[in-house]
Amino acid sequence: MNIKDYALSLKPDPKNLKSDAVAGFATGLFSIPEGMAYAQLAGVNPVYGLYSGIIATIAASLTTGTILMVSTVTSAIALSTASVLQTADIQDSQMPAALFTITFMVGVMMLALGLLRLGSLVNFVSNAVMTGFVAAASMLIIIGEMGDFSGYAPSGSNKLLEVVDWFSNISQWNWMVVAVSVSSLVLMLVLKRIPKTEKLAAIFTLLIMTVVVSLLKLDVPLVSSIATIPNSLPAPMLPAFGLIPKLALGSLSVALVALVQGAGISTAYPNPDGGRASASRDFIGEGIGNLLGSFFQSMGTGGSLSRTGISVGAGTQSRWGGIFAGLWLGLILLLFGSLAELVPLSVIAGMLFVIGGELIAARLPNARLVYTSSWGSAAAGLLTFVSALFIPLQYTIFLGAGLSLLLYIGVSASKIRLFQLVRGEDGYWQEQDLPQTFPSNQATVVAYEGANFFAEVPAIIGKMPSLEGVSRAVIIWRLRGAEEIHSTFLKQLSLFAQKAQAGGNCFMLEGVEPHVMTTLEKTGILDALGRDNVFPVQPGMGQALDSAWQEGQTWLAAKSGQTKEE
């Protein structure tokens, strides 16, 4: 998207303004129960979840490349944030400044990645890993709310033991709290199955159950027992910059989670004008949203699939849907914010049980796909999922991404292909298996297919024919298409060439790209091979190979002539 197109996307269209405003109102309303729920999930004041849908949402809606994207706090971001705060051993006296510091760092990292055009970074987190991560985060949503759902807070050294402790102490559950939680859960499920209330089921559940609890004067904990929510907009507040070294690594994981989640939105909701959204541009927009939001009491935010879905479903046509969502939420909080203190914590817990269950159910088709596609993908997804029970959530995304990379390296190294090209009677080059030993007094063209990864080099050397007892052979290595050659390959290539030349053989390279030629020259390998033995890539397919082959035949003829003279 160029500057002109961006400027046009900012200009409100009078024909769409009404639908954008209505969609923004629906999205703003939906942000109230979800914002409070996700803040509770992160273990922070629910007001910060509400504030996350104002400044950060407006700023991101103004600047992302995906026009319809609504950026705000999500369940995975909230859980990752809670894990970072816990792992960093943040004290009560350091809150809420530590929370806003994470938001600030997330913004800095997103913005930097976007400006460096590293939108493709999200591709390093495979579908299998993301499936395992989202399923794990969804499971942790439910585990994290077991205390508010039952009135009994379980304990344990890891999440699995917390679940065991929770079920082992059913006798200590507060059945009034359980009744409210279960009623909220059932009501939300019912409302989601009625077409007219499906999209706003969370709002209706929150309102109805809050009114019922208030009218019946049920003795259950309310939001007011853990937080004060004023009728006001978020006041400016500085992050604690001194905590940056302590929170930097964790913030990177939160940023990565947010970016990977947001990456799917551009596919699910393409730009209305048909323009292609840039992942790097989305990084920039989400980063700006977090940076500005960090100074106005916002949690970390990113592209929200649920909030974007509500906005699009309600009829938004432009980025003004997200802008209106932030404006409406700010107005609602300014007029009625303190009423949120009347919401029972058990109602939020029941709603989060539904949200967590739905997220797990939504991932089942992906999980089946991962399971049937390959054992490596299944292992990566399963390990990511299981690890969330035992290690902090923010590390599971690194673990999964690292495992994906290792599996990729292993598979790539095992699937390399080394073969020879032989000129047929029709004059065309044909593929054949390489011999066990290079034939003396003949030319052999060696071709390679693989990922050009350094871990492949030992396998490549292992597949090469032997040079034992070989003399007066011409070995032509085909490099066409290799834009880069890493140092590990260059080192082994140089050693092999030296061994071949020491036995009285000729080693050639053909189809050498300009950048590779420069590398060969700088490393001295070009002179070691002999400049006449290195053939640059040429426009015609096989043109450089034909030249190298002809030169090889000339070399063989010269050596044959020397033998006859001797």
Protein backbone atom coordinates (compact mmCIF):
# COMPACT_ATOMS: atom_id res chain seq x y z
CA MET A 1 0.00 0.00 0.00
CA ASN A 2 1.54 3.30 -1.15
CA ILE A 3 1.06 6.68 0.55
CA LYS A 4 -1.76 7.68 -1.79
CA ASP A 5 -3.73 4.48 -1.16
CA TYR A 6 -3.12 4.81 2.58
CA ALA A 7 -4.40 8.39 2.59
CA LEU A 8 -7.52 7.29 0.72
CA SER A 9 -8.14 4.50 3.24
CA LEU A 10 -8.06 7.08 6.05
CA LYS A 11 -10.68 9.29 4.45
CA PRO A 12 -14.14 8.33 5.75
CA ASP A 13 -16.64 7.43 3.05
CA PRO A 14 -20.02 9.09 3.80
CA LYS A 15 -21.80 6.05 2.36
CA ASN A 16 -20.05 3.69 4.81
CA LEU A 17 -19.83 5.97 7.84
CA LYS A 18 -23.11 4.80 9.38
CA SER A 19 -22.33 1.10 8.98
CA ASP A 20 -18.80 1.67 10.34
CA ALA A 21 -20.22 3.52 13.37
CA VAL A 22 -22.76 0.75 14.08
CA ALA A 23 -20.09 -1.94 13.68
CA GLY A 24 -17.78 0.04 15.94
CA PHE A 25 -20.47 0.25 18.63
CA ALA A 26 -21.01 -3.53 18.52
CA THR A 27 -17.26 -4.15 18.70
CA GLY A 28 -16.87 -1.64 21.54
CA LEU A 29 -19.62 -3.35 23.54
CA PHE A 30 -18.07 -6.77 22.92
CA SER A 31 -14.74 -5.42 24.17
CA ILE A 32 -16.19 -4.90 27.65
CA PRO A 33 -16.71 -8.56 28.67
CA GLU A 34 -13.70 -9.82 26.71
CA GLY A 35 -11.42 -7.04 27.94
CA MET A 36 -12.34 -7.66 31.58
CA ALA A 37 -12.05 -11.42 31.15
CA TYR A 38 -8.61 -11.29 29.56
CA ALA A 39 -7.31 -8.85 32.15
CA GLN A 40 -8.46 -11.24 34.85
CA LEU A 41 -6.72 -14.01 32.93
CA ALA A 42 -3.49 -11.99 33.10
CA GLY A 43 -3.99 -11.45 36.83
CA VAL A 44 -4.27 -7.66 36.55
CA ASN A 45 -6.94 -5.04 37.22
CA PRO A 46 -9.86 -5.59 34.76
CA VAL A 47 -9.78 -1.88 33.92
CA TYR A 48 -6.52 -2.40 31.98
CA GLY A 49 -8.28 -4.90 29.75
CA LEU A 50 -10.94 -2.27 29.06
CA TYR A 51 -8.36 0.44 28.42
CA SER A 52 -6.60 -1.87 25.93
CA GLY A 53 -9.49 -1.37 23.54
CA ILE A 54 -9.23 2.43 23.32
CA ILE A 55 -5.93 4.15 22.39
CA ALA A 56 -4.12 1.02 21.17
CA THR A 57 -7.09 -0.05 19.06
CA ILE A 58 -7.58 3.39 17.50
CA ALA A 59 -3.86 3.83 16.72
CA ALA A 60 -3.53 0.37 15.16
CA SER A 61 -6.71 0.81 13.11
CA LEU A 62 -5.23 4.00 11.68
CA THR A 63 -1.94 2.41 10.63
CA THR A 64 -2.16 -1.34 9.87
CA GLY A 65 -1.99 -2.63 6.31
CA THR A 66 -4.97 -4.94 6.89
CA ILE A 67 -7.72 -2.33 6.78
CA LEU A 68 -10.40 -4.25 8.71
CA MET A 69 -8.09 -5.55 11.47
CA VAL A 70 -9.12 -4.72 15.04
CA SER A 71 -6.13 -4.84 17.38
CA THR A 72 -6.66 -5.35 21.11
CA VAL A 73 -5.81 -7.73 23.95
CA THR A 74 -6.37 -11.44 23.22
CA SER A 75 -6.44 -14.54 25.41
CA ALA A 76 -3.00 -15.73 24.25
CA ILE A 77 -1.47 -12.28 24.81
CA ALA A 78 -3.04 -12.11 28.28
CA LEU A 79 -1.76 -15.55 29.26
CA SER A 80 1.71 -14.83 27.90
CA THR A 81 1.76 -11.53 29.79
CA ALA A 82 0.78 -13.27 33.04
CA SER A 83 3.56 -15.80 32.50
CA VAL A 84 6.14 -13.07 31.86
CA LEU A 85 5.15 -11.15 35.01
CA GLN A 86 5.32 -14.32 37.09
CA THR A 87 8.63 -15.52 35.66
CA ALA A 88 10.22 -12.08 36.15
CA ASP A 89 9.09 -12.16 39.80
CA ILE A 90 7.36 -8.78 39.54
CA GLN A 91 6.24 -7.49 42.93
CA ASP A 92 2.97 -5.69 43.73
CA SER A 93 4.92 -2.47 44.23
CA GLN A 94 6.15 -2.69 40.62
CA MET A 95 2.64 -2.96 39.23
CA PRO A 96 1.02 -1.68 37.07
CA ALA A 97 4.13 0.02 35.63
CA ALA A 98 5.66 -3.39 34.82
CA LEU A 99 2.56 -4.27 32.79
CA PHE A 100 2.84 -1.10 30.73
CA THR A 101 6.57 -1.75 30.26
CA ILE A 102 5.75 -5.07 28.60
CA THR A 103 3.29 -3.24 26.33
CA PHE A 104 5.96 -0.66 25.50
CA MET A 105 8.58 -3.33 24.67
CA VAL A 106 6.09 -5.30 22.60
CA GLY A 107 5.43 -2.12 20.62
CA VAL A 108 9.13 -1.40 20.12
CA MET A 109 9.80 -4.95 18.90
CA MET A 110 6.81 -5.01 16.57
CA LEU A 111 7.69 -1.63 15.10
CA ALA A 112 11.35 -2.62 14.61
CA LEU A 113 10.41 -5.88 12.87
CA GLY A 114 8.00 -4.01 10.63
CA LEU A 115 10.47 -1.29 9.67
CA LEU A 116 13.07 -3.97 8.90
CA ARG A 117 10.48 -5.65 6.63
CA LEU A 118 10.62 -8.89 8.59
CA GLY A 119 6.97 -9.75 8.12
CA SER A 120 8.02 -13.20 6.92
CA LEU A 121 9.29 -13.92 10.45
CA VAL A 122 5.89 -15.38 11.34
CA ASN A 123 6.56 -18.17 8.82
CA PHE A 124 9.12 -19.64 11.23
CA VAL A 125 6.27 -20.63 13.53
CA SER A 126 4.68 -23.58 11.75
CA ASN A 127 0.99 -24.40 11.65
CA ALA A 128 1.69 -27.41 13.87
CA VAL A 129 3.41 -25.31 16.53
CA MET A 130 0.72 -22.62 16.42
CA THR A 131 -1.99 -25.28 16.70
CA GLY A 132 -0.28 -26.73 19.76
CA PHE A 133 0.30 -23.28 21.24
CA VAL A 134 -3.27 -22.04 20.80
CA ALA A 135 -4.66 -25.31 22.15
CA ALA A 136 -2.33 -25.02 25.16
CA ALA A 137 -3.26 -21.37 25.72
CA SER A 138 -6.94 -22.30 25.49
CA MET A 139 -6.46 -25.06 28.03
CA LEU A 140 -4.63 -22.63 30.33
CA ILE A 141 -7.57 -20.22 30.07
CA ILE A 142 -9.75 -22.87 31.71
CA ILE A 143 -7.10 -23.91 34.24
CA GLY A 144 -6.45 -20.29 35.16
CA GLU A 145 -10.14 -19.69 35.92
CA MET A 146 -10.74 -22.79 38.05
CA GLY A 147 -10.44 -20.72 41.23
CA ASP A 148 -13.04 -18.10 40.28
CA PHE A 149 -15.25 -20.81 38.74
CA SER A 150 -15.44 -22.84 41.95
CA GLY A 151 -14.47 -20.53 44.79
CA TYR A 152 -11.48 -22.78 45.56
CA ALA A 153 -8.04 -21.70 44.31
CA PRO A 154 -5.99 -24.83 43.48
CA SER A 155 -2.25 -25.01 44.09
CA GLY A 156 0.58 -27.03 42.57
CA SER A 157 4.11 -26.74 41.20
CA ASN A 158 2.76 -26.98 37.64
CA LYS A 159 -0.55 -26.72 35.83
CA LEU A 160 -1.17 -30.47 35.78
CA LEU A 161 -0.86 -30.67 39.57
CA GLU A 162 -3.19 -27.68 39.89
CA VAL A 163 -5.86 -29.59 37.97
CA VAL A 164 -5.34 -32.65 40.17
CA ASP A 165 -5.58 -30.51 43.31
CA TRP A 166 -8.76 -28.81 42.04
CA PHE A 167 -10.61 -32.08 41.48
CA SER A 168 -9.23 -33.58 44.69
CA ASN A 169 -10.80 -30.80 46.75
CA ILE A 170 -14.34 -30.66 45.39
CA SER A 171 -15.59 -30.65 48.97
CA GLN A 172 -14.06 -27.18 49.40
CA TRP A 173 -15.84 -25.66 46.42
CA ASN A 174 -18.27 -22.80 47.07
CA TRP A 175 -21.46 -24.14 45.52
CA MET A 176 -23.07 -20.71 45.25
CA VAL A 177 -20.11 -19.58 43.14
CA VAL A 178 -20.27 -22.80 41.11
CA ALA A 179 -23.99 -22.25 40.47
CA VAL A 180 -23.37 -18.75 39.10
CA SER A 181 -20.43 -19.97 36.98
CA VAL A 182 -22.34 -22.90 35.51
CA SER A 183 -25.41 -20.73 34.86
CA SER A 184 -23.23 -18.21 33.01
CA LEU A 185 -21.60 -21.00 31.01
CA VAL A 186 -24.95 -22.56 30.02
CA LEU A 187 -26.55 -19.19 29.22
CA MET A 188 -23.67 -18.19 26.96
CA LEU A 189 -23.80 -21.54 25.12
CA VAL A 190 -27.56 -21.20 24.60
CA LEU A 191 -27.30 -17.60 23.38
CA LYS A 192 -24.56 -18.61 20.94
CA ARG A 193 -26.96 -21.06 19.32
CA ILE A 194 -29.65 -18.44 18.73
CA PRO A 195 -28.91 -16.58 15.45
CA LYS A 196 -30.10 -13.19 16.72
CA THR A 197 -27.94 -13.30 19.86
CA GLU A 198 -25.01 -15.40 18.62
CA LYS A 199 -22.53 -12.60 18.00
CA LEU A 200 -23.33 -10.65 21.17
CA ALA A 201 -23.78 -13.67 23.47
CA ALA A 202 -20.93 -12.53 25.74
CA ILE A 203 -22.51 -9.09 26.26
CA PHE A 204 -25.97 -10.50 27.03
CA THR A 205 -24.51 -13.12 29.38
CA LEU A 206 -22.56 -10.46 31.28
CA LEU A 207 -25.58 -8.15 31.61
CA ILE A 208 -28.18 -10.80 32.45
CA MET A 209 -26.10 -12.67 35.03
CA THR A 210 -24.91 -9.44 36.68
CA VAL A 211 -28.53 -8.27 37.05
CA VAL A 212 -29.66 -11.68 38.37
CA VAL A 213 -26.87 -11.85 40.97
CA SER A 214 -27.60 -8.27 42.04
CA LEU A 215 -31.39 -8.77 42.34
CA LEU A 216 -31.05 -12.04 44.24
CA LYS A 217 -28.27 -10.56 46.41
CA LEU A 218 -26.16 -13.68 45.94
CA ASP A 219 -23.01 -13.80 48.04
CA VAL A 220 -20.33 -14.16 45.37
CA PRO A 221 -17.12 -12.13 44.77
CA LEU A 222 -17.51 -9.13 42.45
CA VAL A 223 -15.01 -7.18 40.36
CA SER A 224 -15.18 -4.51 43.08
CA SER A 225 -13.44 -6.96 45.44
CA ILE A 226 -10.26 -6.85 43.36
CA ALA A 227 -10.37 -3.51 41.51
CA THR A 228 -11.82 -0.03 41.27
CA ILE A 229 -13.09 1.05 37.86
CA PRO A 230 -13.74 4.80 37.56
CA ASN A 231 -15.98 6.67 35.14
CA SER A 232 -13.05 8.06 33.20
CA LEU A 233 -10.70 7.63 30.28
CA PRO A 234 -7.20 6.21 30.86
CA ALA A 235 -4.88 8.84 32.27
CA PRO A 236 -1.29 9.09 30.94
CA MET A 237 1.16 6.89 32.87
CA LEU A 238 4.82 6.13 32.15
CA PRO A 239 6.14 2.57 31.85
CA ALA A 240 8.95 1.56 34.23
CA PHE A 241 11.88 1.82 31.83
CA GLY A 242 14.25 0.48 34.49
CA LEU A 243 12.49 -2.91 34.24
CA ILE A 244 13.24 -3.30 30.52
CA PRO A 245 16.27 -5.64 30.99
CA LYS A 246 14.18 -7.86 33.25
CA LEU A 247 11.20 -8.02 30.90
CA ALA A 248 12.83 -7.83 27.44
CA LEU A 249 12.97 -11.56 26.59
CA GLY A 250 9.46 -12.19 27.85
CA SER A 251 8.18 -9.19 25.90
CA LEU A 252 9.69 -10.65 22.73
CA SER A 253 7.65 -13.81 23.21
CA VAL A 254 4.47 -11.77 23.76
CA ALA A 255 5.22 -9.80 20.58
CA LEU A 256 5.79 -13.01 18.62
CA VAL A 257 2.53 -14.50 19.88
CA ALA A 258 0.63 -11.33 18.96
CA LEU A 259 2.19 -11.14 15.50
CA VAL A 260 1.56 -14.78 14.65
CA GLN A 261 -2.07 -14.48 15.77
CA GLY A 262 -2.55 -11.32 13.76
CA ALA A 263 -0.97 -12.80 10.62
CA GLY A 264 -4.06 -14.89 9.88
CA ILE A 265 -6.43 -11.93 9.87
CA SER A 266 -5.29 -10.57 6.50
CA THR A 267 -6.18 -13.93 4.94
CA ALA A 268 -9.51 -14.29 6.74
CA TYR A 269 -10.55 -10.67 6.09
CA PRO A 270 -8.88 -9.31 2.92
CA ASN A 271 -8.88 -5.59 2.19
CA PRO A 272 -12.15 -4.36 0.62
CA ASP A 273 -10.26 -2.59 -2.17
CA GLY A 274 -8.62 -5.85 -3.23
CA GLY A 275 -5.16 -4.60 -2.27
CA ARG A 276 -2.74 -7.06 -0.74
CA ALA A 277 -1.97 -6.45 2.93
CA SER A 278 1.69 -6.44 3.97
CA ALA A 279 2.61 -8.39 7.10
CA SER A 280 5.41 -5.90 7.76
CA ARG A 281 2.93 -3.04 7.51
CA ASP A 282 0.68 -4.83 10.02
CA PHE A 283 3.71 -5.19 12.32
CA ILE A 284 4.21 -1.43 12.14
CA GLY A 285 0.56 -0.65 12.87
CA GLU A 286 0.32 -3.08 15.77
CA GLY A 287 3.62 -1.74 17.10
CA ILE A 288 2.39 1.86 17.01
CA GLY A 289 -0.78 0.77 18.81
CA ASN A 290 1.23 -0.83 21.61
CA LEU A 291 3.67 2.07 21.87
CA LEU A 292 0.94 4.67 22.27
CA GLY A 293 -1.20 2.37 24.40
CA SER A 294 1.67 1.77 26.84
CA PHE A 295 1.43 5.42 27.92
CA PHE A 296 -2.33 5.11 28.48
CA GLN A 297 -2.57 2.04 30.75
CA SER A 298 -2.99 -0.60 28.03
CA MET A 299 -2.04 -4.25 28.14
CA GLY A 300 -0.17 -5.73 25.19
CA THR A 301 -2.35 -5.88 22.09
CA GLY A 302 -2.39 -7.49 18.66
CA GLY A 303 -4.74 -8.39 15.84
CA SER A 304 -7.82 -10.06 17.35
CA LEU A 305 -9.65 -12.57 15.16
CA SER A 306 -12.75 -12.52 17.38
CA ARG A 307 -12.98 -8.73 17.59
CA THR A 308 -12.31 -8.37 13.84
CA GLY A 309 -14.99 -10.98 13.17
CA ILE A 310 -17.51 -9.05 15.27
CA SER A 311 -16.65 -5.83 13.44
CA VAL A 312 -16.91 -7.35 9.95
CA GLY A 313 -20.05 -9.29 10.86
CA ALA A 314 -21.67 -6.07 12.09
CA GLY A 315 -21.04 -4.44 8.71
CA THR A 316 -17.81 -2.44 8.84
CA GLN A 317 -16.47 -1.40 5.44
CA SER A 318 -13.24 0.41 6.31
CA ARG A 319 -10.60 0.99 8.97
CA TRP A 320 -13.08 3.39 10.59
CA GLY A 321 -14.87 0.38 12.09
CA GLY A 322 -11.90 -0.18 14.41
CA ILE A 323 -11.52 3.54 15.07
CA PHE A 324 -15.17 3.83 16.08
CA ALA A 325 -14.81 0.73 18.30
CA GLY A 326 -12.16 2.53 20.36
CA LEU A 327 -14.14 5.78 20.46
CA TRP A 328 -17.38 4.06 21.54
CA LEU A 329 -15.61 2.04 24.25
CA GLY A 330 -14.03 5.22 25.61
CA LEU A 331 -17.42 6.95 25.72
CA ILE A 332 -19.09 3.98 27.44
CA LEU A 333 -16.37 3.84 30.10
CA LEU A 334 -16.56 7.59 30.61
CA LEU A 335 -20.31 7.42 31.28
CA PHE A 336 -20.84 3.98 32.84
CA GLY A 337 -17.39 2.57 33.68
CA SER A 338 -18.00 2.15 37.41
CA LEU A 339 -20.92 -0.24 36.76
CA ALA A 340 -18.34 -2.84 35.74
CA GLU A 341 -17.50 -3.24 39.44
CA LEU A 342 -20.86 -5.03 39.88
CA VAL A 343 -19.86 -7.90 37.57
CA PRO A 344 -19.37 -11.20 39.47
CA LEU A 345 -15.98 -12.84 38.97
CA SER A 346 -17.72 -16.20 38.59
CA VAL A 347 -19.67 -14.86 35.59
CA ILE A 348 -16.40 -13.94 33.88
CA ALA A 349 -15.00 -17.38 34.79
CA GLY A 350 -17.99 -19.14 33.22
CA MET A 351 -17.61 -17.07 30.06
CA LEU A 352 -13.90 -17.87 29.87
CA PHE A 353 -14.63 -21.59 30.19
CA VAL A 354 -16.80 -21.24 27.07
CA ILE A 355 -14.17 -19.18 25.23
CA GLY A 356 -11.42 -21.66 26.11
CA GLY A 357 -13.54 -24.62 25.05
CA GLU A 358 -14.48 -22.98 21.75
CA LEU A 359 -10.85 -22.18 20.98
CA ILE A 360 -9.87 -25.82 21.58
CA ALA A 361 -12.77 -27.07 19.44
CA ALA A 362 -11.83 -24.68 16.64
CA ARG A 363 -8.31 -26.15 16.57
CA LEU A 364 -9.42 -29.79 16.29
CA PRO A 365 -9.56 -29.81 12.44
CA ASN A 366 -6.07 -28.30 12.37
CA ALA A 367 -4.88 -30.86 14.91
CA ARG A 368 -6.22 -33.71 12.75
CA LEU A 369 -4.47 -32.21 9.71
CA VAL A 370 -1.19 -31.93 11.61
CA TYR A 371 -1.50 -35.50 12.93
CA THR A 372 -2.11 -36.97 9.48
CA SER A 373 0.43 -34.84 7.57
CA SER A 374 3.70 -35.99 9.16
CA TRP A 375 5.05 -37.40 12.39
CA GLY A 376 7.47 -34.49 12.68
CA SER A 377 4.70 -31.89 12.59
CA ALA A 378 2.63 -33.91 15.03
CA ALA A 379 5.59 -34.18 17.42
CA ALA A 380 6.23 -30.42 17.26
CA GLY A 381 2.59 -29.59 17.95
CA LEU A 382 2.24 -32.15 20.74
CA LEU A 383 5.44 -31.07 22.49
CA THR A 384 4.36 -27.42 22.32
CA PHE A 385 0.99 -28.35 23.84
CA VAL A 386 2.33 -30.58 26.62
CA SER A 387 5.19 -28.23 27.54
CA ALA A 388 2.67 -25.54 28.50
CA LEU A 389 1.71 -27.70 31.49
CA PHE A 390 5.22 -27.57 32.89
CA ILE A 391 7.03 -24.44 31.70
CA PRO A 392 6.01 -20.76 31.43
CA LEU A 393 3.77 -20.19 28.42
CA GLN A 394 5.99 -17.57 26.79
CA TYR A 395 8.77 -20.14 26.41
CA THR A 396 6.58 -22.70 24.65
CA ILE A 397 6.40 -20.59 21.48
CA PHE A 398 10.23 -20.46 21.37
CA LEU A 399 10.43 -24.18 22.09
CA GLY A 400 7.95 -25.01 19.35
CA ALA A 401 9.56 -22.70 16.79
CA GLY A 402 13.00 -24.15 17.62
CA LEU A 403 11.71 -27.69 17.25
CA SER A 404 10.11 -26.80 13.89
CA LEU A 405 13.44 -25.46 12.68
CA LEU A 406 15.32 -28.56 13.85
CA LEU A 407 12.81 -30.83 12.15
CA TYR A 408 13.09 -28.78 8.96
CA ILE A 409 16.88 -29.09 9.06
CA GLY A 410 16.68 -32.82 9.67
CA VAL A 411 14.16 -33.45 6.90
CA SER A 412 16.03 -31.19 4.46
CA ALA A 413 19.34 -32.92 5.16
CA SER A 414 17.77 -36.34 4.67
CA LYS A 415 16.06 -35.44 1.38
CA ILE A 416 19.00 -34.01 -0.56
CA ARG A 417 19.51 -35.46 -4.00
CA LEU A 418 22.83 -35.88 -5.78
CA PHE A 419 22.81 -37.16 -9.36
CA GLN A 420 24.70 -36.87 -12.63
CA LEU A 421 23.66 -35.28 -15.91
CA VAL A 422 24.48 -37.28 -19.02
CA ARG A 423 24.14 -36.00 -22.58
CA GLY A 424 21.82 -38.32 -24.50
CA GLU A 425 22.01 -39.27 -28.15
CA ASP A 426 19.40 -36.60 -28.89
CA GLY A 427 21.73 -33.94 -27.46
CA TYR A 428 19.61 -33.28 -24.36
CA TRP A 429 20.88 -33.65 -20.80
CA GLN A 430 19.35 -36.54 -18.84
CA GLU A 431 19.44 -37.44 -15.14
CA GLN A 432 21.13 -40.63 -13.99
CA ASP A 433 22.40 -42.05 -10.72
CA LEU A 434 25.98 -41.26 -9.81
CA PRO A 435 28.52 -44.10 -9.97
CA GLN A 436 30.22 -45.41 -6.83
CA THR A 437 33.56 -44.07 -8.11
CA PHE A 438 34.28 -41.26 -10.55
CA PRO A 439 35.35 -42.85 -13.87
CA SER A 440 38.89 -42.06 -14.99
CA ASN A 441 39.43 -40.40 -18.36
CA GLN A 442 35.82 -39.24 -18.50
CA ALA A 443 33.81 -36.15 -17.62
CA THR A 444 31.07 -36.40 -14.96
CA VAL A 445 28.50 -33.66 -14.33
CA VAL A 446 27.36 -33.61 -10.68
CA ALA A 447 24.01 -31.91 -9.94
CA TYR A 448 22.44 -31.28 -6.54
CA GLU A 449 18.91 -30.62 -5.26
CA GLY A 450 18.28 -29.48 -1.70
CA ALA A 451 17.71 -26.51 0.58
CA ASN A 452 21.33 -25.27 0.41
CA PHE A 453 21.55 -25.53 4.18
CA PHE A 454 24.85 -26.00 6.01
CA ALA A 455 23.58 -29.11 7.83
CA GLU A 456 23.28 -30.85 4.45
CA VAL A 457 27.02 -30.69 3.73
CA PRO A 458 28.04 -33.93 5.53
CA ALA A 459 25.28 -35.80 3.67
CA ILE A 460 26.40 -34.28 0.35
CA ILE A 461 30.02 -35.32 0.90
CA GLY A 462 28.84 -38.79 1.94
CA LYS A 463 26.91 -39.22 -1.32
CA MET A 464 29.81 -38.12 -3.55
CA PRO A 465 31.49 -40.87 -5.62
CA SER A 466 34.93 -41.94 -4.47
CA LEU A 467 38.17 -40.48 -5.86
CA GLU A 468 40.26 -43.50 -4.85
CA GLY A 469 42.46 -44.58 -7.75
CA VAL A 470 40.85 -42.05 -10.08
CA SER A 471 43.03 -40.11 -12.52
CA ARG A 472 42.48 -37.81 -15.47
CA ALA A 473 38.80 -37.41 -14.64
CA VAL A 474 36.83 -34.22 -15.21
CA ILE A 475 34.32 -33.41 -12.46
CA ILE A 476 31.88 -30.62 -13.28
CA TRP A 477 29.81 -29.37 -10.33
CA ARG A 478 26.57 -27.67 -11.39
CA LEU A 479 25.80 -24.54 -9.33
CA ARG A 480 23.05 -22.96 -11.42
CA GLY A 481 20.33 -21.42 -9.20
CA ALA A 482 22.48 -21.16 -6.07
CA GLU A 483 22.22 -17.47 -5.12
CA GLU A 484 24.17 -17.93 -1.87
CA ILE A 485 26.81 -20.42 -0.75
CA HIS A 486 27.57 -20.72 2.95
CA SER A 487 31.05 -21.10 4.38
CA THR A 488 30.60 -24.76 5.42
CA PHE A 489 29.86 -25.76 1.82
CA LEU A 490 32.70 -23.60 0.46
CA LYS A 491 35.18 -25.21 2.82
CA GLN A 492 34.21 -28.77 1.87
CA LEU A 493 34.03 -27.86 -1.83
CA SER A 494 37.55 -26.44 -1.67
CA LEU A 495 38.88 -29.55 0.12
CA PHE A 496 37.24 -31.87 -2.42
CA ALA A 497 38.62 -29.83 -5.34
CA GLN A 498 42.12 -29.96 -3.84
CA LYS A 499 41.88 -33.74 -3.43
CA ALA A 500 40.66 -34.15 -7.02
CA GLN A 501 43.41 -31.93 -8.44
CA ALA A 502 46.07 -33.68 -6.35
CA GLY A 503 45.13 -36.94 -8.08
CA GLY A 504 45.64 -35.42 -11.51
CA ASN A 505 41.98 -34.66 -12.13
CA CYS A 506 40.19 -31.50 -13.26
CA PHE A 507 37.48 -29.90 -11.11
CA MET A 508 35.10 -27.33 -12.62
CA LEU A 509 32.17 -25.21 -11.48
CA GLU A 510 29.44 -24.17 -13.92
CA GLY A 511 26.38 -21.92 -13.71
CA VAL A 512 27.98 -19.69 -11.07
CA GLU A 513 25.77 -16.72 -10.13
CA PRO A 514 27.43 -13.24 -9.93
CA HIS A 515 27.17 -13.02 -6.13
CA VAL A 516 28.67 -16.49 -5.73
CA MET A 517 31.46 -15.57 -8.17
CA THR A 518 32.32 -12.57 -5.97
CA THR A 519 32.44 -14.83 -2.91
CA LEU A 520 34.73 -17.31 -4.67
CA GLU A 521 37.05 -14.47 -5.65
CA LYS A 522 37.17 -12.94 -2.16
CA THR A 523 37.90 -16.29 -0.52
CA GLY A 524 40.68 -17.19 -2.98
CA ILE A 525 38.85 -20.32 -4.13
CA LEU A 526 38.50 -18.92 -7.65
CA ASP A 527 42.28 -18.75 -8.10
CA ALA A 528 42.76 -22.13 -6.43
CA LEU A 529 40.38 -23.78 -8.90
CA GLY A 530 41.71 -21.81 -11.83
CA ARG A 531 39.64 -19.07 -13.40
CA ASP A 532 39.37 -21.06 -16.63
CA ASN A 533 37.63 -23.83 -14.67
CA VAL A 534 34.79 -21.63 -13.37
CA PHE A 535 31.93 -20.86 -15.78
CA PRO A 536 29.52 -18.02 -14.94
CA VAL A 537 25.79 -18.51 -15.40
CA GLN A 538 24.56 -17.63 -18.90
CA PRO A 539 21.08 -16.63 -20.14
CA GLY A 540 20.38 -19.85 -22.03
CA MET A 541 19.38 -22.96 -20.08
CA GLY A 542 22.34 -25.36 -20.19
CA GLN A 543 24.55 -22.84 -21.98
CA ALA A 544 27.15 -22.67 -19.21
CA LEU A 545 26.99 -26.45 -18.81
CA ASP A 546 27.66 -26.94 -22.53
CA SER A 547 30.66 -24.62 -22.29
CA ALA A 548 32.06 -26.47 -19.27
CA TRP A 549 31.47 -29.84 -20.94
CA GLN A 550 33.27 -28.73 -24.08
CA GLU A 551 36.19 -27.43 -22.04
CA GLY A 552 36.27 -30.72 -20.16
CA GLN A 553 36.45 -32.68 -23.40
CA THR A 554 39.28 -30.43 -24.57
CA TRP A 555 41.15 -31.10 -21.30
CA LEU A 556 40.64 -34.87 -21.66
CA ALA A 557 41.85 -34.76 -25.27
CA ALA A 558 44.96 -32.87 -24.22
CA LYS A 559 45.69 -35.39 -21.47
CA SER A 560 45.10 -38.26 -23.90
CA GLY A 561 47.58 -36.70 -26.33
CA GLN A 562 50.17 -36.40 -23.56
CA THR A 563 49.74 -40.11 -22.79
CA LYS A 564 50.32 -41.10 -26.42
CA GLU A 565 53.44 -38.95 -26.62
CA GLU A 566 54.78 -40.60 -23.46
